[in-house]
mmCIF file of all heavy atoms, coordinates in Angstrom:
data_MODEL
# 
_entry.id   MODEL 
# 
loop_
_atom_site.group_PDB 
_atom_site.id 
_atom_site.type_symbol 
_atom_site.label_atom_id 
_atom_site.label_alt_id 
_atom_site.label_comp_id 
_atom_site.label_asym_id 
_atom_site.label_entity_id 
_atom_site.label_seq_id 
_atom_site.pdbx_PDB_ins_code 
_atom_site.Cartn_x 
_atom_site.Cartn_y 
_atom_site.Cartn_z 
_atom_site.occupancy 
_atom_site.B_iso_or_equiv 
_atom_site.pdbx_formal_charge 
_atom_site.auth_seq_id 
_atom_site.auth_comp_id 
_atom_site.auth_asym_id 
_atom_site.auth_atom_id 
_atom_site.pdbx_PDB_model_num 
ATOM 1   N N   . PHE A 1 1  ? -11.770 -20.030 64.971 1.00 0.00 ? 1  PHE A N   1 
ATOM 2   C CA  . PHE A 1 1  ? -12.321 -19.161 65.972 1.00 0.00 ? 1  PHE A CA  1 
ATOM 3   C C   . PHE A 1 1  ? -11.113 -18.434 66.603 1.00 0.00 ? 1  PHE A C   1 
ATOM 4   O O   . PHE A 1 1  ? -10.174 -19.018 67.123 1.00 0.00 ? 1  PHE A O   1 
ATOM 5   C CB  . PHE A 1 1  ? -12.993 -19.987 67.086 1.00 0.00 ? 1  PHE A CB  1 
ATOM 6   C CG  . PHE A 1 1  ? -13.691 -19.214 68.114 1.00 0.00 ? 1  PHE A CG  1 
ATOM 7   C CD1 . PHE A 1 1  ? -15.076 -18.918 67.957 1.00 0.00 ? 1  PHE A CD1 1 
ATOM 8   C CD2 . PHE A 1 1  ? -13.012 -18.743 69.203 1.00 0.00 ? 1  PHE A CD2 1 
ATOM 9   C CE1 . PHE A 1 1  ? -15.732 -18.207 68.967 1.00 0.00 ? 1  PHE A CE1 1 
ATOM 10  C CE2 . PHE A 1 1  ? -13.680 -18.042 70.169 1.00 0.00 ? 1  PHE A CE2 1 
ATOM 11  C CZ  . PHE A 1 1  ? -14.996 -17.635 70.045 1.00 0.00 ? 1  PHE A CZ  1 
ATOM 12  N N   . ARG A 1 2  ? -11.345 -17.133 66.641 1.00 0.00 ? 2  ARG A N   1 
ATOM 13  C CA  . ARG A 1 2  ? -10.281 -16.192 67.038 1.00 0.00 ? 2  ARG A CA  1 
ATOM 14  C C   . ARG A 1 2  ? -10.493 -15.950 68.486 1.00 0.00 ? 2  ARG A C   1 
ATOM 15  O O   . ARG A 1 2  ? -11.463 -15.265 68.938 1.00 0.00 ? 2  ARG A O   1 
ATOM 16  C CB  . ARG A 1 2  ? -10.275 -14.913 66.241 1.00 0.00 ? 2  ARG A CB  1 
ATOM 17  C CG  . ARG A 1 2  ? -9.145  -13.935 66.641 1.00 0.00 ? 2  ARG A CG  1 
ATOM 18  C CD  . ARG A 1 2  ? -9.165  -12.841 65.538 1.00 0.00 ? 2  ARG A CD  1 
ATOM 19  N NE  . ARG A 1 2  ? -10.393 -12.226 65.463 1.00 0.00 ? 2  ARG A NE  1 
ATOM 20  C CZ  . ARG A 1 2  ? -10.566 -10.889 65.309 1.00 0.00 ? 2  ARG A CZ  1 
ATOM 21  N NH1 . ARG A 1 2  ? -9.625  -10.103 65.340 1.00 0.00 ? 2  ARG A NH1 1 
ATOM 22  N NH2 . ARG A 1 2  ? -11.813 -10.406 65.123 1.00 0.00 ? 2  ARG A NH2 1 
ATOM 23  N N   . THR A 1 3  ? -9.424  -16.186 69.348 1.00 0.00 ? 3  THR A N   1 
ATOM 24  C CA  . THR A 1 3  ? -9.504  -15.981 70.759 1.00 0.00 ? 3  THR A CA  1 
ATOM 25  C C   . THR A 1 3  ? -8.805  -14.537 70.963 1.00 0.00 ? 3  THR A C   1 
ATOM 26  O O   . THR A 1 3  ? -7.678  -14.407 70.793 1.00 0.00 ? 3  THR A O   1 
ATOM 27  C CB  . THR A 1 3  ? -8.723  -16.969 71.578 1.00 0.00 ? 3  THR A CB  1 
ATOM 28  O OG1 . THR A 1 3  ? -9.260  -18.294 71.359 1.00 0.00 ? 3  THR A OG1 1 
ATOM 29  C CG2 . THR A 1 3  ? -8.772  -16.666 73.040 1.00 0.00 ? 3  THR A CG2 1 
ATOM 30  N N   . LEU A 1 4  ? -9.680  -13.546 71.404 1.00 0.00 ? 4  LEU A N   1 
ATOM 31  C CA  . LEU A 1 4  ? -9.163  -12.287 71.667 1.00 0.00 ? 4  LEU A CA  1 
ATOM 32  C C   . LEU A 1 4  ? -8.712  -12.154 73.048 1.00 0.00 ? 4  LEU A C   1 
ATOM 33  O O   . LEU A 1 4  ? -8.820  -13.109 73.842 1.00 0.00 ? 4  LEU A O   1 
ATOM 34  C CB  . LEU A 1 4  ? -10.406 -11.338 71.372 1.00 0.00 ? 4  LEU A CB  1 
ATOM 35  C CG  . LEU A 1 4  ? -10.775 -11.113 69.932 1.00 0.00 ? 4  LEU A CG  1 
ATOM 36  C CD1 . LEU A 1 4  ? -11.891 -10.196 69.778 1.00 0.00 ? 4  LEU A CD1 1 
ATOM 37  C CD2 . LEU A 1 4  ? -9.559  -10.606 69.044 1.00 0.00 ? 4  LEU A CD2 1 
ATOM 38  N N   . PRO A 1 5  ? -8.236  -10.993 73.445 1.00 0.00 ? 5  PRO A N   1 
ATOM 39  C CA  . PRO A 1 5  ? -7.670  -10.826 74.857 1.00 0.00 ? 5  PRO A CA  1 
ATOM 40  C C   . PRO A 1 5  ? -8.686  -11.174 75.845 1.00 0.00 ? 5  PRO A C   1 
ATOM 41  O O   . PRO A 1 5  ? -9.893  -11.106 75.518 1.00 0.00 ? 5  PRO A O   1 
ATOM 42  C CB  . PRO A 1 5  ? -7.331  -9.345  74.863 1.00 0.00 ? 5  PRO A CB  1 
ATOM 43  C CG  . PRO A 1 5  ? -6.896  -9.054  73.464 1.00 0.00 ? 5  PRO A CG  1 
ATOM 44  C CD  . PRO A 1 5  ? -7.843  -9.812  72.600 1.00 0.00 ? 5  PRO A CD  1 
ATOM 45  N N   . ARG A 1 6  ? -8.315  -11.370 77.126 1.00 0.00 ? 6  ARG A N   1 
ATOM 46  C CA  . ARG A 1 6  ? -9.141  -11.924 78.099 1.00 0.00 ? 6  ARG A CA  1 
ATOM 47  C C   . ARG A 1 6  ? -10.367 -11.146 78.391 1.00 0.00 ? 6  ARG A C   1 
ATOM 48  O O   . ARG A 1 6  ? -11.450 -11.629 78.612 1.00 0.00 ? 6  ARG A O   1 
ATOM 49  C CB  . ARG A 1 6  ? -8.321  -11.969 79.478 1.00 0.00 ? 6  ARG A CB  1 
ATOM 50  C CG  . ARG A 1 6  ? -9.053  -12.476 80.643 1.00 0.00 ? 6  ARG A CG  1 
ATOM 51  C CD  . ARG A 1 6  ? -8.171  -12.763 81.844 1.00 0.00 ? 6  ARG A CD  1 
ATOM 52  N NE  . ARG A 1 6  ? -8.927  -13.176 82.971 1.00 0.00 ? 6  ARG A NE  1 
ATOM 53  C CZ  . ARG A 1 6  ? -9.492  -12.410 83.880 1.00 0.00 ? 6  ARG A CZ  1 
ATOM 54  N NH1 . ARG A 1 6  ? -9.400  -11.112 83.740 1.00 0.00 ? 6  ARG A NH1 1 
ATOM 55  N NH2 . ARG A 1 6  ? -10.201 -12.908 84.813 1.00 0.00 ? 6  ARG A NH2 1 
ATOM 56  N N   . TYR A 1 7  ? -10.282 -9.805  78.157 1.00 0.00 ? 7  TYR A N   1 
ATOM 57  C CA  . TYR A 1 7  ? -11.495 -8.946  78.478 1.00 0.00 ? 7  TYR A CA  1 
ATOM 58  C C   . TYR A 1 7  ? -12.369 -8.762  77.296 1.00 0.00 ? 7  TYR A C   1 
ATOM 59  O O   . TYR A 1 7  ? -13.318 -8.040  77.254 1.00 0.00 ? 7  TYR A O   1 
ATOM 60  C CB  . TYR A 1 7  ? -10.997 -7.529  78.908 1.00 0.00 ? 7  TYR A CB  1 
ATOM 61  C CG  . TYR A 1 7  ? -10.263 -7.669  80.275 1.00 0.00 ? 7  TYR A CG  1 
ATOM 62  C CD1 . TYR A 1 7  ? -9.162  -6.953  80.504 1.00 0.00 ? 7  TYR A CD1 1 
ATOM 63  C CD2 . TYR A 1 7  ? -10.770 -8.514  81.298 1.00 0.00 ? 7  TYR A CD2 1 
ATOM 64  C CE1 . TYR A 1 7  ? -8.489  -7.047  81.757 1.00 0.00 ? 7  TYR A CE1 1 
ATOM 65  C CE2 . TYR A 1 7  ? -10.168 -8.593  82.573 1.00 0.00 ? 7  TYR A CE2 1 
ATOM 66  C CZ  . TYR A 1 7  ? -9.040  -7.851  82.832 1.00 0.00 ? 7  TYR A CZ  1 
ATOM 67  O OH  . TYR A 1 7  ? -8.359  -7.894  83.915 1.00 0.00 ? 7  TYR A OH  1 
ATOM 68  N N   . CYS A 1 8  ? -12.226 -9.490  76.204 1.00 0.00 ? 8  CYS A N   1 
ATOM 69  C CA  . CYS A 1 8  ? -13.134 -9.551  75.062 1.00 0.00 ? 8  CYS A CA  1 
ATOM 70  C C   . CYS A 1 8  ? -13.751 -10.968 75.053 1.00 0.00 ? 8  CYS A C   1 
ATOM 71  O O   . CYS A 1 8  ? -13.191 -11.866 74.542 1.00 0.00 ? 8  CYS A O   1 
ATOM 72  C CB  . CYS A 1 8  ? -12.402 -9.320  73.710 1.00 0.00 ? 8  CYS A CB  1 
ATOM 73  S SG  . CYS A 1 8  ? -11.711 -7.590  73.562 1.00 0.00 ? 8  CYS A SG  1 
ATOM 74  N N   . ARG A 1 9  ? -14.999 -10.938 75.409 1.00 0.00 ? 9  ARG A N   1 
ATOM 75  C CA  . ARG A 1 9  ? -15.704 -12.222 75.777 1.00 0.00 ? 9  ARG A CA  1 
ATOM 76  C C   . ARG A 1 9  ? -16.758 -12.661 74.909 1.00 0.00 ? 9  ARG A C   1 
ATOM 77  O O   . ARG A 1 9  ? -17.053 -13.869 74.653 1.00 0.00 ? 9  ARG A O   1 
ATOM 78  C CB  . ARG A 1 9  ? -16.025 -12.342 77.228 1.00 0.00 ? 9  ARG A CB  1 
ATOM 79  C CG  . ARG A 1 9  ? -14.903 -12.239 78.241 1.00 0.00 ? 9  ARG A CG  1 
ATOM 80  C CD  . ARG A 1 9  ? -15.334 -12.158 79.621 1.00 0.00 ? 9  ARG A CD  1 
ATOM 81  N NE  . ARG A 1 9  ? -14.270 -12.450 80.494 1.00 0.00 ? 9  ARG A NE  1 
ATOM 82  C CZ  . ARG A 1 9  ? -13.798 -13.553 80.886 1.00 0.00 ? 9  ARG A CZ  1 
ATOM 83  N NH1 . ARG A 1 9  ? -14.463 -14.675 80.438 1.00 0.00 ? 9  ARG A NH1 1 
ATOM 84  N NH2 . ARG A 1 9  ? -12.807 -13.784 81.594 1.00 0.00 ? 9  ARG A NH2 1 
ATOM 85  N N   . GLN A 1 10 ? -17.567 -11.693 74.466 1.00 0.00 ? 10 GLN A N   1 
ATOM 86  C CA  . GLN A 1 10 ? -18.768 -11.963 73.678 1.00 0.00 ? 10 GLN A CA  1 
ATOM 87  C C   . GLN A 1 10 ? -18.533 -12.327 72.242 1.00 0.00 ? 10 GLN A C   1 
ATOM 88  O O   . GLN A 1 10 ? -18.971 -11.563 71.333 1.00 0.00 ? 10 GLN A O   1 
ATOM 89  C CB  . GLN A 1 10 ? -19.801 -10.853 73.913 1.00 0.00 ? 10 GLN A CB  1 
ATOM 90  C CG  . GLN A 1 10 ? -20.392 -10.664 75.253 1.00 0.00 ? 10 GLN A CG  1 
ATOM 91  C CD  . GLN A 1 10 ? -21.421 -9.666  75.358 1.00 0.00 ? 10 GLN A CD  1 
ATOM 92  O OE1 . GLN A 1 10 ? -21.465 -8.647  74.630 1.00 0.00 ? 10 GLN A OE1 1 
ATOM 93  N NE2 . GLN A 1 10 ? -22.340 -9.930  76.334 1.00 0.00 ? 10 GLN A NE2 1 
ATOM 94  N N   . LEU A 1 11 ? -17.881 -13.374 71.952 1.00 0.00 ? 11 LEU A N   1 
ATOM 95  C CA  . LEU A 1 11 ? -17.657 -13.847 70.586 1.00 0.00 ? 11 LEU A CA  1 
ATOM 96  C C   . LEU A 1 11 ? -18.509 -14.953 70.182 1.00 0.00 ? 11 LEU A C   1 
ATOM 97  O O   . LEU A 1 11 ? -18.455 -15.362 68.953 1.00 0.00 ? 11 LEU A O   1 
ATOM 98  C CB  . LEU A 1 11 ? -16.111 -14.206 70.473 1.00 0.00 ? 11 LEU A CB  1 
ATOM 99  C CG  . LEU A 1 11 ? -15.152 -13.061 70.833 1.00 0.00 ? 11 LEU A CG  1 
ATOM 100 C CD1 . LEU A 1 11 ? -13.713 -13.762 70.765 1.00 0.00 ? 11 LEU A CD1 1 
ATOM 101 C CD2 . LEU A 1 11 ? -15.325 -11.947 69.898 1.00 0.00 ? 11 LEU A CD2 1 
ATOM 102 N N   . VAL A 1 12 ? -19.414 -15.421 70.997 1.00 0.00 ? 12 VAL A N   1 
ATOM 103 C CA  . VAL A 1 12 ? -20.296 -16.564 70.618 1.00 0.00 ? 12 VAL A CA  1 
ATOM 104 C C   . VAL A 1 12 ? -21.606 -16.384 71.384 1.00 0.00 ? 12 VAL A C   1 
ATOM 105 O O   . VAL A 1 12 ? -21.541 -15.949 72.618 1.00 0.00 ? 12 VAL A O   1 
ATOM 106 C CB  . VAL A 1 12 ? -19.705 -17.926 70.845 1.00 0.00 ? 12 VAL A CB  1 
ATOM 107 C CG1 . VAL A 1 12 ? -19.248 -18.157 72.285 1.00 0.00 ? 12 VAL A CG1 1 
ATOM 108 C CG2 . VAL A 1 12 ? -20.578 -18.994 70.316 1.00 0.00 ? 12 VAL A CG2 1 
ATOM 109 N N   . ASP A 1 13 ? -22.723 -16.592 70.807 1.00 0.00 ? 13 ASP A N   1 
ATOM 110 C CA  . ASP A 1 13 ? -24.023 -16.455 71.438 1.00 0.00 ? 13 ASP A CA  1 
ATOM 111 C C   . ASP A 1 13 ? -25.084 -17.386 70.930 1.00 0.00 ? 13 ASP A C   1 
ATOM 112 O O   . ASP A 1 13 ? -24.995 -17.707 69.700 1.00 0.00 ? 13 ASP A O   1 
ATOM 113 C CB  . ASP A 1 13 ? -24.550 -15.052 71.426 1.00 0.00 ? 13 ASP A CB  1 
ATOM 114 C CG  . ASP A 1 13 ? -25.642 -14.699 72.414 1.00 0.00 ? 13 ASP A CG  1 
ATOM 115 O OD1 . ASP A 1 13 ? -25.617 -15.546 73.492 1.00 0.00 ? 13 ASP A OD1 1 
ATOM 116 O OD2 . ASP A 1 13 ? -26.361 -13.862 72.241 1.00 0.00 ? 13 ASP A OD2 1 
ATOM 117 N N   . TRP A 1 14 ? -25.848 -17.967 71.816 1.00 0.00 ? 14 TRP A N   1 
ATOM 118 C CA  . TRP A 1 14 ? -26.927 -18.894 71.292 1.00 0.00 ? 14 TRP A CA  1 
ATOM 119 C C   . TRP A 1 14 ? -28.335 -18.284 71.540 1.00 0.00 ? 14 TRP A C   1 
ATOM 120 O O   . TRP A 1 14 ? -28.749 -17.928 72.540 1.00 0.00 ? 14 TRP A O   1 
ATOM 121 C CB  . TRP A 1 14 ? -26.861 -20.117 72.251 1.00 0.00 ? 14 TRP A CB  1 
ATOM 122 C CG  . TRP A 1 14 ? -27.519 -21.371 71.805 1.00 0.00 ? 14 TRP A CG  1 
ATOM 123 C CD1 . TRP A 1 14 ? -28.543 -21.451 70.926 1.00 0.00 ? 14 TRP A CD1 1 
ATOM 124 C CD2 . TRP A 1 14 ? -27.136 -22.773 72.124 1.00 0.00 ? 14 TRP A CD2 1 
ATOM 125 N NE1 . TRP A 1 14 ? -28.839 -22.724 70.602 1.00 0.00 ? 14 TRP A NE1 1 
ATOM 126 C CE2 . TRP A 1 14 ? -28.008 -23.572 71.333 1.00 0.00 ? 14 TRP A CE2 1 
ATOM 127 C CE3 . TRP A 1 14 ? -26.222 -23.310 72.882 1.00 0.00 ? 14 TRP A CE3 1 
ATOM 128 C CZ2 . TRP A 1 14 ? -27.999 -24.987 71.360 1.00 0.00 ? 14 TRP A CZ2 1 
ATOM 129 C CZ3 . TRP A 1 14 ? -26.134 -24.705 72.928 1.00 0.00 ? 14 TRP A CZ3 1 
ATOM 130 C CH2 . TRP A 1 14 ? -27.033 -25.606 72.152 1.00 0.00 ? 14 TRP A CH2 1 
ATOM 131 N N   . GLY A 1 15 ? -28.942 -17.947 70.368 1.00 0.00 ? 15 GLY A N   1 
ATOM 132 C CA  . GLY A 1 15 ? -30.228 -17.219 70.302 1.00 0.00 ? 15 GLY A CA  1 
ATOM 133 C C   . GLY A 1 15 ? -31.402 -17.999 70.583 1.00 0.00 ? 15 GLY A C   1 
ATOM 134 O O   . GLY A 1 15 ? -31.288 -19.248 70.600 1.00 0.00 ? 15 GLY A O   1 
ATOM 135 N N   . SER A 1 16 ? -32.524 -17.404 70.981 1.00 0.00 ? 16 SER A N   1 
ATOM 136 C CA  . SER A 1 16 ? -33.766 -18.013 71.267 1.00 0.00 ? 16 SER A CA  1 
ATOM 137 C C   . SER A 1 16 ? -34.333 -18.763 70.131 1.00 0.00 ? 16 SER A C   1 
ATOM 138 O O   . SER A 1 16 ? -35.233 -19.630 70.363 1.00 0.00 ? 16 SER A O   1 
ATOM 139 C CB  . SER A 1 16 ? -34.767 -17.021 71.937 1.00 0.00 ? 16 SER A CB  1 
ATOM 140 O OG  . SER A 1 16 ? -35.010 -16.078 70.885 1.00 0.00 ? 16 SER A OG  1 
ATOM 141 N N   . SER A 1 17 ? -33.940 -18.515 68.859 1.00 0.00 ? 17 SER A N   1 
ATOM 142 C CA  . SER A 1 17 ? -34.399 -19.256 67.812 1.00 0.00 ? 17 SER A CA  1 
ATOM 143 C C   . SER A 1 17 ? -33.568 -20.450 67.420 1.00 0.00 ? 17 SER A C   1 
ATOM 144 O O   . SER A 1 17 ? -33.753 -21.103 66.431 1.00 0.00 ? 17 SER A O   1 
ATOM 145 C CB  . SER A 1 17 ? -34.517 -18.349 66.474 1.00 0.00 ? 17 SER A CB  1 
ATOM 146 O OG  . SER A 1 17 ? -33.234 -17.781 66.239 1.00 0.00 ? 17 SER A OG  1 
ATOM 147 N N   . ASN A 1 18 ? -32.719 -20.693 68.376 1.00 0.00 ? 18 ASN A N   1 
ATOM 148 C CA  . ASN A 1 18 ? -31.800 -21.931 68.347 1.00 0.00 ? 18 ASN A CA  1 
ATOM 149 C C   . ASN A 1 18 ? -30.794 -21.782 67.258 1.00 0.00 ? 18 ASN A C   1 
ATOM 150 O O   . ASN A 1 18 ? -30.379 -22.853 66.630 1.00 0.00 ? 18 ASN A O   1 
ATOM 151 C CB  . ASN A 1 18 ? -32.575 -23.206 68.155 1.00 0.00 ? 18 ASN A CB  1 
ATOM 152 C CG  . ASN A 1 18 ? -32.311 -24.242 69.288 1.00 0.00 ? 18 ASN A CG  1 
ATOM 153 O OD1 . ASN A 1 18 ? -31.334 -24.191 69.978 1.00 0.00 ? 18 ASN A OD1 1 
ATOM 154 N ND2 . ASN A 1 18 ? -33.093 -25.256 69.368 1.00 0.00 ? 18 ASN A ND2 1 
ATOM 155 N N   . ILE A 1 19 ? -30.287 -20.524 67.027 1.00 0.00 ? 19 ILE A N   1 
ATOM 156 C CA  . ILE A 1 19 ? -29.287 -20.390 66.143 1.00 0.00 ? 19 ILE A CA  1 
ATOM 157 C C   . ILE A 1 19 ? -27.992 -19.783 66.909 1.00 0.00 ? 19 ILE A C   1 
ATOM 158 O O   . ILE A 1 19 ? -28.106 -18.945 67.690 1.00 0.00 ? 19 ILE A O   1 
ATOM 159 C CB  . ILE A 1 19 ? -29.640 -19.216 65.020 1.00 0.00 ? 19 ILE A CB  1 
ATOM 160 C CG1 . ILE A 1 19 ? -30.882 -19.651 64.309 1.00 0.00 ? 19 ILE A CG1 1 
ATOM 161 C CG2 . ILE A 1 19 ? -28.443 -19.064 64.018 1.00 0.00 ? 19 ILE A CG2 1 
ATOM 162 C CD1 . ILE A 1 19 ? -30.746 -20.981 63.576 1.00 0.00 ? 19 ILE A CD1 1 
ATOM 163 N N   . ILE A 1 20 ? -26.789 -20.434 66.635 1.00 0.00 ? 20 ILE A N   1 
ATOM 164 C CA  . ILE A 1 20 ? -25.624 -20.024 67.330 1.00 0.00 ? 20 ILE A CA  1 
ATOM 165 C C   . ILE A 1 20 ? -24.893 -19.130 66.351 1.00 0.00 ? 20 ILE A C   1 
ATOM 166 O O   . ILE A 1 20 ? -24.626 -19.468 65.257 1.00 0.00 ? 20 ILE A O   1 
ATOM 167 C CB  . ILE A 1 20 ? -24.730 -21.257 67.733 1.00 0.00 ? 20 ILE A CB  1 
ATOM 168 C CG1 . ILE A 1 20 ? -25.487 -22.141 68.648 1.00 0.00 ? 20 ILE A CG1 1 
ATOM 169 C CG2 . ILE A 1 20 ? -23.400 -20.804 68.245 1.00 0.00 ? 20 ILE A CG2 1 
ATOM 170 C CD1 . ILE A 1 20 ? -24.808 -23.547 68.888 1.00 0.00 ? 20 ILE A CD1 1 
ATOM 171 N N   . ALA A 1 21 ? -24.512 -17.935 66.865 1.00 0.00 ? 21 ALA A N   1 
ATOM 172 C CA  . ALA A 1 21 ? -23.657 -16.971 66.104 1.00 0.00 ? 21 ALA A CA  1 
ATOM 173 C C   . ALA A 1 21 ? -22.194 -17.014 66.730 1.00 0.00 ? 21 ALA A C   1 
ATOM 174 O O   . ALA A 1 21 ? -22.123 -16.894 67.942 1.00 0.00 ? 21 ALA A O   1 
ATOM 175 C CB  . ALA A 1 21 ? -24.296 -15.579 66.117 1.00 0.00 ? 21 ALA A CB  1 
ATOM 176 N N   . ALA A 1 22 ? -21.246 -16.939 65.837 1.00 0.00 ? 22 ALA A N   1 
ATOM 177 C CA  . ALA A 1 22 ? -19.856 -16.905 66.323 1.00 0.00 ? 22 ALA A CA  1 
ATOM 178 C C   . ALA A 1 22 ? -19.005 -16.067 65.456 1.00 0.00 ? 22 ALA A C   1 
ATOM 179 O O   . ALA A 1 22 ? -19.200 -16.081 64.209 1.00 0.00 ? 22 ALA A O   1 
ATOM 180 C CB  . ALA A 1 22 ? -19.262 -18.406 66.465 1.00 0.00 ? 22 ALA A CB  1 
ATOM 181 N N   . VAL A 1 23 ? -17.953 -15.491 65.998 1.00 0.00 ? 23 VAL A N   1 
ATOM 182 C CA  . VAL A 1 23 ? -17.007 -14.742 65.265 1.00 0.00 ? 23 VAL A CA  1 
ATOM 183 C C   . VAL A 1 23 ? -15.935 -15.735 64.793 1.00 0.00 ? 23 VAL A C   1 
ATOM 184 O O   . VAL A 1 23 ? -15.062 -16.146 65.606 1.00 0.00 ? 23 VAL A O   1 
ATOM 185 C CB  . VAL A 1 23 ? -16.399 -13.548 66.057 1.00 0.00 ? 23 VAL A CB  1 
ATOM 186 C CG1 . VAL A 1 23 ? -15.320 -12.868 65.317 1.00 0.00 ? 23 VAL A CG1 1 
ATOM 187 C CG2 . VAL A 1 23 ? -17.524 -12.599 66.552 1.00 0.00 ? 23 VAL A CG2 1 
ATOM 188 N N   . ILE A 1 24 ? -15.799 -15.974 63.510 1.00 0.00 ? 24 ILE A N   1 
ATOM 189 C CA  . ILE A 1 24 ? -14.779 -16.809 62.926 1.00 0.00 ? 24 ILE A CA  1 
ATOM 190 C C   . ILE A 1 24 ? -13.906 -15.989 61.963 1.00 0.00 ? 24 ILE A C   1 
ATOM 191 O O   . ILE A 1 24 ? -14.421 -15.601 60.949 1.00 0.00 ? 24 ILE A O   1 
ATOM 192 C CB  . ILE A 1 24 ? -15.433 -18.083 62.175 1.00 0.00 ? 24 ILE A CB  1 
ATOM 193 C CG1 . ILE A 1 24 ? -16.422 -18.698 63.097 1.00 0.00 ? 24 ILE A CG1 1 
ATOM 194 C CG2 . ILE A 1 24 ? -14.424 -18.978 61.713 1.00 0.00 ? 24 ILE A CG2 1 
ATOM 195 C CD1 . ILE A 1 24 ? -15.902 -19.416 64.201 1.00 0.00 ? 24 ILE A CD1 1 
ATOM 196 N N   . ARG A 1 25 ? -12.790 -15.700 62.416 1.00 0.00 ? 25 ARG A N   1 
ATOM 197 C CA  . ARG A 1 25 ? -11.871 -14.833 61.747 1.00 0.00 ? 25 ARG A CA  1 
ATOM 198 C C   . ARG A 1 25 ? -12.551 -13.477 61.561 1.00 0.00 ? 25 ARG A C   1 
ATOM 199 O O   . ARG A 1 25 ? -12.950 -12.873 62.521 1.00 0.00 ? 25 ARG A O   1 
ATOM 200 C CB  . ARG A 1 25 ? -11.368 -15.401 60.364 1.00 0.00 ? 25 ARG A CB  1 
ATOM 201 C CG  . ARG A 1 25 ? -10.538 -16.729 60.587 1.00 0.00 ? 25 ARG A CG  1 
ATOM 202 C CD  . ARG A 1 25 ? -9.909  -17.183 59.223 1.00 0.00 ? 25 ARG A CD  1 
ATOM 203 N NE  . ARG A 1 25 ? -9.038  -18.347 59.474 1.00 0.00 ? 25 ARG A NE  1 
ATOM 204 C CZ  . ARG A 1 25 ? -9.562  -19.631 59.273 1.00 0.00 ? 25 ARG A CZ  1 
ATOM 205 N NH1 . ARG A 1 25 ? -10.808 -19.775 58.908 1.00 0.00 ? 25 ARG A NH1 1 
ATOM 206 N NH2 . ARG A 1 25 ? -8.811  -20.711 59.574 1.00 0.00 ? 25 ARG A NH2 1 
ATOM 207 N N   . SER A 1 26 ? -12.808 -13.047 60.351 1.00 0.00 ? 26 SER A N   1 
ATOM 208 C CA  . SER A 1 26 ? -13.523 -11.751 60.063 1.00 0.00 ? 26 SER A CA  1 
ATOM 209 C C   . SER A 1 26 ? -14.942 -12.039 59.526 1.00 0.00 ? 26 SER A C   1 
ATOM 210 O O   . SER A 1 26 ? -15.468 -11.315 58.764 1.00 0.00 ? 26 SER A O   1 
ATOM 211 C CB  . SER A 1 26 ? -12.709 -10.969 58.985 1.00 0.00 ? 26 SER A CB  1 
ATOM 212 O OG  . SER A 1 26 ? -11.438 -10.526 59.441 1.00 0.00 ? 26 SER A OG  1 
ATOM 213 N N   . ILE A 1 27 ? -15.502 -13.145 59.881 1.00 0.00 ? 27 ILE A N   1 
ATOM 214 C CA  . ILE A 1 27 ? -16.760 -13.532 59.442 1.00 0.00 ? 27 ILE A CA  1 
ATOM 215 C C   . ILE A 1 27 ? -17.645 -13.983 60.637 1.00 0.00 ? 27 ILE A C   1 
ATOM 216 O O   . ILE A 1 27 ? -17.269 -14.647 61.593 1.00 0.00 ? 27 ILE A O   1 
ATOM 217 C CB  . ILE A 1 27 ? -16.667 -14.785 58.385 1.00 0.00 ? 27 ILE A CB  1 
ATOM 218 C CG1 . ILE A 1 27 ? -15.940 -14.339 57.164 1.00 0.00 ? 27 ILE A CG1 1 
ATOM 219 C CG2 . ILE A 1 27 ? -18.058 -15.355 58.098 1.00 0.00 ? 27 ILE A CG2 1 
ATOM 220 C CD1 . ILE A 1 27 ? -15.623 -15.507 56.277 1.00 0.00 ? 27 ILE A CD1 1 
ATOM 221 N N   . ILE A 1 28 ? -18.906 -13.510 60.590 1.00 0.00 ? 28 ILE A N   1 
ATOM 222 C CA  . ILE A 1 28 ? -19.975 -14.018 61.548 1.00 0.00 ? 28 ILE A CA  1 
ATOM 223 C C   . ILE A 1 28 ? -20.609 -15.208 61.040 1.00 0.00 ? 28 ILE A C   1 
ATOM 224 O O   . ILE A 1 28 ? -21.238 -15.078 59.883 1.00 0.00 ? 28 ILE A O   1 
ATOM 225 C CB  . ILE A 1 28 ? -21.034 -12.845 61.892 1.00 0.00 ? 28 ILE A CB  1 
ATOM 226 C CG1 . ILE A 1 28 ? -20.285 -11.592 62.207 1.00 0.00 ? 28 ILE A CG1 1 
ATOM 227 C CG2 . ILE A 1 28 ? -21.885 -13.284 63.030 1.00 0.00 ? 28 ILE A CG2 1 
ATOM 228 C CD1 . ILE A 1 28 ? -19.319 -11.640 63.431 1.00 0.00 ? 28 ILE A CD1 1 
ATOM 229 N N   . THR A 1 29 ? -20.425 -16.397 61.577 1.00 0.00 ? 29 THR A N   1 
ATOM 230 C CA  . THR A 1 29 ? -21.006 -17.566 61.175 1.00 0.00 ? 29 THR A CA  1 
ATOM 231 C C   . THR A 1 29 ? -22.200 -17.974 61.943 1.00 0.00 ? 29 THR A C   1 
ATOM 232 O O   . THR A 1 29 ? -22.162 -17.857 63.254 1.00 0.00 ? 29 THR A O   1 
ATOM 233 C CB  . THR A 1 29 ? -19.896 -18.668 61.190 1.00 0.00 ? 29 THR A CB  1 
ATOM 234 O OG1 . THR A 1 29 ? -18.770 -18.305 60.417 1.00 0.00 ? 29 THR A OG1 1 
ATOM 235 C CG2 . THR A 1 29 ? -20.468 -19.999 60.669 1.00 0.00 ? 29 THR A CG2 1 
# 
């Protein structure tokens, strides 16, 4: 999981279908 600068925050989200999306390196997992 890549931690970007402080002002880039939306790198992970939990959707209503109970699927978690996250930016892992150059891949959306």
